[in-house]
Amino acid sequence: MKLCQNGNMSENENHEINVQVGWPLDAGANPSVVNQIAVNSLEDPQGRRSGYGLLLGYMAPPALINEQDIARFRKETGDFIPITVHAELFLPTAAAEDLWEHLGNVLGKNG
């Protein structure tokens, strides 16, 4: 990864440094279960697609055993089950395309 800085330097002066990045060894140690996904296309002020909003969440289905459970659930909740948000992300278009490619590879959809 290259990092560029042009802070207090003159406009003609750029410095680049190369750094290595990597995931920590325990990066996937505590995954969250997700069963709800929402994706929105986002635009910049000029109307150009700038990326995507991605929400990942979990909705716990109620344990409804009989008609009394269903009636109580409807009375108490109005048939509304909240989604617990586990991730709220903005993906620039290039990152969204990268995610799409990686998911396709893992799911065996790209070839």
C-alpha atoms as a PDB file:
ATOM      1  CA  MET A   1       0.000   0.000   0.000  1.00  0.00           C
ATOM      2  CA  LYS A   2       1.328   3.447  -0.882  1.00  0.00           C
ATOM      3  CA  LEU A   3       0.620   6.411   1.339  1.00  0.00           C
ATOM      4  CA  CYS A   4       0.933   9.913  -0.085  1.00  0.00           C
ATOM      5  CA  GLN A   5       1.180  13.058   1.965  1.00  0.00           C
ATOM      6  CA  ASN A   6       0.860  16.603   0.726  1.00  0.00           C
ATOM      7  CA  GLY A   7       0.207  18.404   4.036  1.00  0.00           C
ATOM      8  CA  ASN A   8       2.478  21.430   4.649  1.00  0.00           C
ATOM      9  CA  MET A   9       4.641  20.766   1.603  1.00  0.00           C
ATOM     10  CA  SER A  10       4.605  22.817  -1.579  1.00  0.00           C
ATOM     11  CA  GLU A  11       2.189  21.619  -4.255  1.00  0.00           C
ATOM     12  CA  ASN A  12       5.048  20.250  -6.351  1.00  0.00           C
ATOM     13  CA  GLU A  13       6.514  18.187  -3.523  1.00  0.00           C
ATOM     14  CA  ASN A  14       5.047  14.723  -2.855  1.00  0.00           C
ATOM     15  CA  HIS A  15       6.465  11.998  -0.663  1.00  0.00           C
ATOM     16  CA  GLU A  16       5.473   8.367  -0.968  1.00  0.00           C
ATOM     17  CA  ILE A  17       6.182   5.594   1.466  1.00  0.00           C
ATOM     18  CA  ASN A  18       5.418   1.911   1.074  1.00  0.00           C
ATOM     19  CA  VAL A  19       3.925   0.096   4.043  1.00  0.00           C
ATOM     20  CA  GLN A  20       2.680  -3.435   4.578  1.00  0.00           C
ATOM     21  CA  VAL A  21      -0.820  -4.073   5.904  1.00  0.00           C
ATOM     22  CA  GLY A  22      -2.431  -7.279   7.067  1.00  0.00           C
ATOM     23  CA  TRP A  23      -5.251  -8.724   9.086  1.00  0.00           C
ATOM     24  CA  PRO A  24      -4.526  -9.666  12.712  1.00  0.00           C
ATOM     25  CA  LEU A  25      -4.355 -13.429  13.320  1.00  0.00           C
ATOM     26  CA  ASP A  26      -7.537 -13.355  15.430  1.00  0.00           C
ATOM     27  CA  ALA A  27      -9.536 -11.163  12.998  1.00  0.00           C
ATOM     28  CA  GLY A  28     -12.387 -13.696  12.646  1.00  0.00           C
ATOM     29  CA  ALA A  29     -12.375 -15.033  16.199  1.00  0.00           C
ATOM     30  CA  ASN A  30     -15.765 -13.605  17.249  1.00  0.00           C
ATOM     31  CA  PRO A  31     -18.068 -13.426  14.231  1.00  0.00           C
ATOM     32  CA  SER A  32     -21.578 -12.033  14.517  1.00  0.00           C
ATOM     33  CA  VAL A  33     -24.493 -13.963  13.045  1.00  0.00           C
ATOM     34  CA  VAL A  34     -26.213 -11.939  10.331  1.00  0.00           C
ATOM     35  CA  ASN A  35     -29.535 -12.801   8.699  1.00  0.00           C
ATOM     36  CA  GLN A  36     -30.609  -9.344   7.450  1.00  0.00           C
ATOM     37  CA  ILE A  37     -28.849  -7.304   4.750  1.00  0.00           C
ATOM     38  CA  ALA A  38     -29.684  -3.891   3.297  1.00  0.00           C
ATOM     39  CA  VAL A  39     -27.764  -2.243   0.437  1.00  0.00           C
ATOM     40  CA  ASN A  40     -28.266   1.291  -0.907  1.00  0.00           C
ATOM     41  CA  SER A  41     -26.567   2.983  -3.850  1.00  0.00           C
ATOM     42  CA  LEU A  42     -25.154   6.352  -2.743  1.00  0.00           C
ATOM     43  CA  GLU A  43     -24.423   9.364  -4.928  1.00  0.00           C
ATOM     44  CA  ASP A  44     -22.141  12.364  -4.568  1.00  0.00           C
ATOM     45  CA  PRO A  45     -23.588  15.917  -4.788  1.00  0.00           C
ATOM     46  CA  GLN A  46     -23.197  15.837  -8.602  1.00  0.00           C
ATOM     47  CA  GLY A  47     -25.389  12.722  -8.871  1.00  0.00           C
ATOM     48  CA  ARG A  48     -22.558  10.293  -9.638  1.00  0.00           C
ATOM     49  CA  ARG A  49     -22.528   6.934  -7.874  1.00  0.00           C
ATOM     50  CA  SER A  50     -19.920   7.218  -5.130  1.00  0.00           C
ATOM     51  CA  GLY A  51     -20.411   3.873  -3.458  1.00  0.00           C
ATOM     52  CA  TYR A  52     -22.804   1.753  -1.464  1.00  0.00           C
ATOM     53  CA  GLY A  53     -24.230   1.772   2.016  1.00  0.00           C
ATOM     54  CA  LEU A  54     -24.309  -1.699   3.553  1.00  0.00           C
ATOM     55  CA  LEU A  55     -26.165  -2.654   6.727  1.00  0.00           C
ATOM     56  CA  LEU A  56     -25.700  -6.089   8.284  1.00  0.00           C
ATOM     57  CA  GLY A  57     -27.946  -7.169  11.109  1.00  0.00           C
ATOM     58  CA  TYR A  58     -29.704  -9.936  12.985  1.00  0.00           C
ATOM     59  CA  MET A  59     -33.391 -10.457  13.598  1.00  0.00           C
ATOM     60  CA  ALA A  60     -34.248 -13.014  16.269  1.00  0.00           C
ATOM     61  CA  PRO A  61     -37.378 -14.867  15.207  1.00  0.00           C
ATOM     62  CA  PRO A  62     -39.914 -15.186  18.016  1.00  0.00           C
ATOM     63  CA  ALA A  63     -40.803 -18.569  19.471  1.00  0.00           C
ATOM     64  CA  LEU A  64     -44.488 -18.797  18.570  1.00  0.00           C
ATOM     65  CA  ILE A  65     -45.775 -22.224  19.527  1.00  0.00           C
ATOM     66  CA  ASN A  66     -49.542 -21.807  19.419  1.00  0.00           C
ATOM     67  CA  GLU A  67     -52.337 -19.349  18.622  1.00  0.00           C
ATOM     68  CA  GLN A  68     -52.109 -17.742  22.096  1.00  0.00           C
ATOM     69  CA  ASP A  69     -48.414 -17.002  21.542  1.00  0.00           C
ATOM     70  CA  ILE A  70     -49.201 -15.450  18.165  1.00  0.00           C
ATOM     71  CA  ALA A  71     -52.011 -13.301  19.604  1.00  0.00           C
ATOM     72  CA  ARG A  72     -49.792 -12.117  22.493  1.00  0.00           C
ATOM     73  CA  PHE A  73     -46.925 -11.360  20.097  1.00  0.00           C
ATOM     74  CA  ARG A  74     -49.172  -9.293  17.837  1.00  0.00           C
ATOM     75  CA  LYS A  75     -50.662  -7.393  20.774  1.00  0.00           C
ATOM     76  CA  GLU A  76     -47.276  -6.627  22.365  1.00  0.00           C
ATOM     77  CA  THR A  77     -45.269  -5.835  19.219  1.00  0.00           C
ATOM     78  CA  GLY A  78     -47.726  -4.890  16.491  1.00  0.00           C
ATOM     79  CA  ASP A  79     -45.962  -7.483  14.301  1.00  0.00           C
ATOM     80  CA  PHE A  80     -42.708  -5.492  14.494  1.00  0.00           C
ATOM     81  CA  ILE A  81     -39.410  -7.273  15.158  1.00  0.00           C
ATOM     82  CA  PRO A  82     -36.385  -4.968  15.504  1.00  0.00           C
ATOM     83  CA  ILE A  83     -33.152  -5.747  13.694  1.00  0.00           C
ATOM     84  CA  THR A  84     -29.961  -5.506  15.736  1.00  0.00           C
ATOM     85  CA  VAL A  85     -27.370  -3.745  13.567  1.00  0.00           C
ATOM     86  CA  HIS A  86     -23.968  -5.455  13.631  1.00  0.00           C
ATOM     87  CA  ALA A  87     -22.302  -3.393  10.893  1.00  0.00           C
ATOM     88  CA  GLU A  88     -23.027  -0.099   9.164  1.00  0.00           C
ATOM     89  CA  LEU A  89     -20.602   0.349   6.276  1.00  0.00           C
ATOM     90  CA  PHE A  90     -19.832   2.616   3.357  1.00  0.00           C
ATOM     91  CA  LEU A  91     -18.128   0.865   0.452  1.00  0.00           C
ATOM     92  CA  PRO A  92     -16.636   2.945  -2.361  1.00  0.00           C
ATOM     93  CA  THR A  93     -17.589   1.438  -5.714  1.00  0.00           C
ATOM     94  CA  ALA A  94     -14.166  -0.224  -6.174  1.00  0.00           C
ATOM     95  CA  ALA A  95     -14.416  -1.877  -2.732  1.00  0.00           C
ATOM     96  CA  ALA A  96     -17.982  -3.062  -3.461  1.00  0.00           C
ATOM     97  CA  GLU A  97     -16.815  -4.612  -6.742  1.00  0.00           C
ATOM     98  CA  ASP A  98     -13.916  -6.267  -4.894  1.00  0.00           C
ATOM     99  CA  LEU A  99     -16.346  -7.686  -2.302  1.00  0.00           C
ATOM    100  CA  TRP A 100     -18.623  -8.945  -5.098  1.00  0.00           C
ATOM    101  CA  GLU A 101     -15.680 -10.696  -6.785  1.00  0.00           C
ATOM    102  CA  HIS A 102     -14.439 -12.271  -3.531  1.00  0.00           C
ATOM    103  CA  LEU A 103     -17.927 -13.499  -2.577  1.00  0.00           C
ATOM    104  CA  GLY A 104     -18.389 -14.912  -6.066  1.00  0.00           C
ATOM    105  CA  ASN A 105     -15.080 -16.774  -5.786  1.00  0.00           C
ATOM    106  CA  VAL A 106     -15.880 -18.187  -2.336  1.00  0.00           C
ATOM    107  CA  LEU A 107     -19.390 -19.211  -3.394  1.00  0.00           C
ATOM    108  CA  GLY A 108     -18.132 -20.759  -6.641  1.00  0.00           C
ATOM    109  CA  LYS A 109     -20.078 -18.301  -8.834  1.00  0.00           C
ATOM    110  CA  ASN A 110     -17.098 -16.922 -10.807  1.00  0.00           C
ATOM    111  CA  GLY A 111     -16.121 -19.756 -13.047  1.00  0.00           C
END
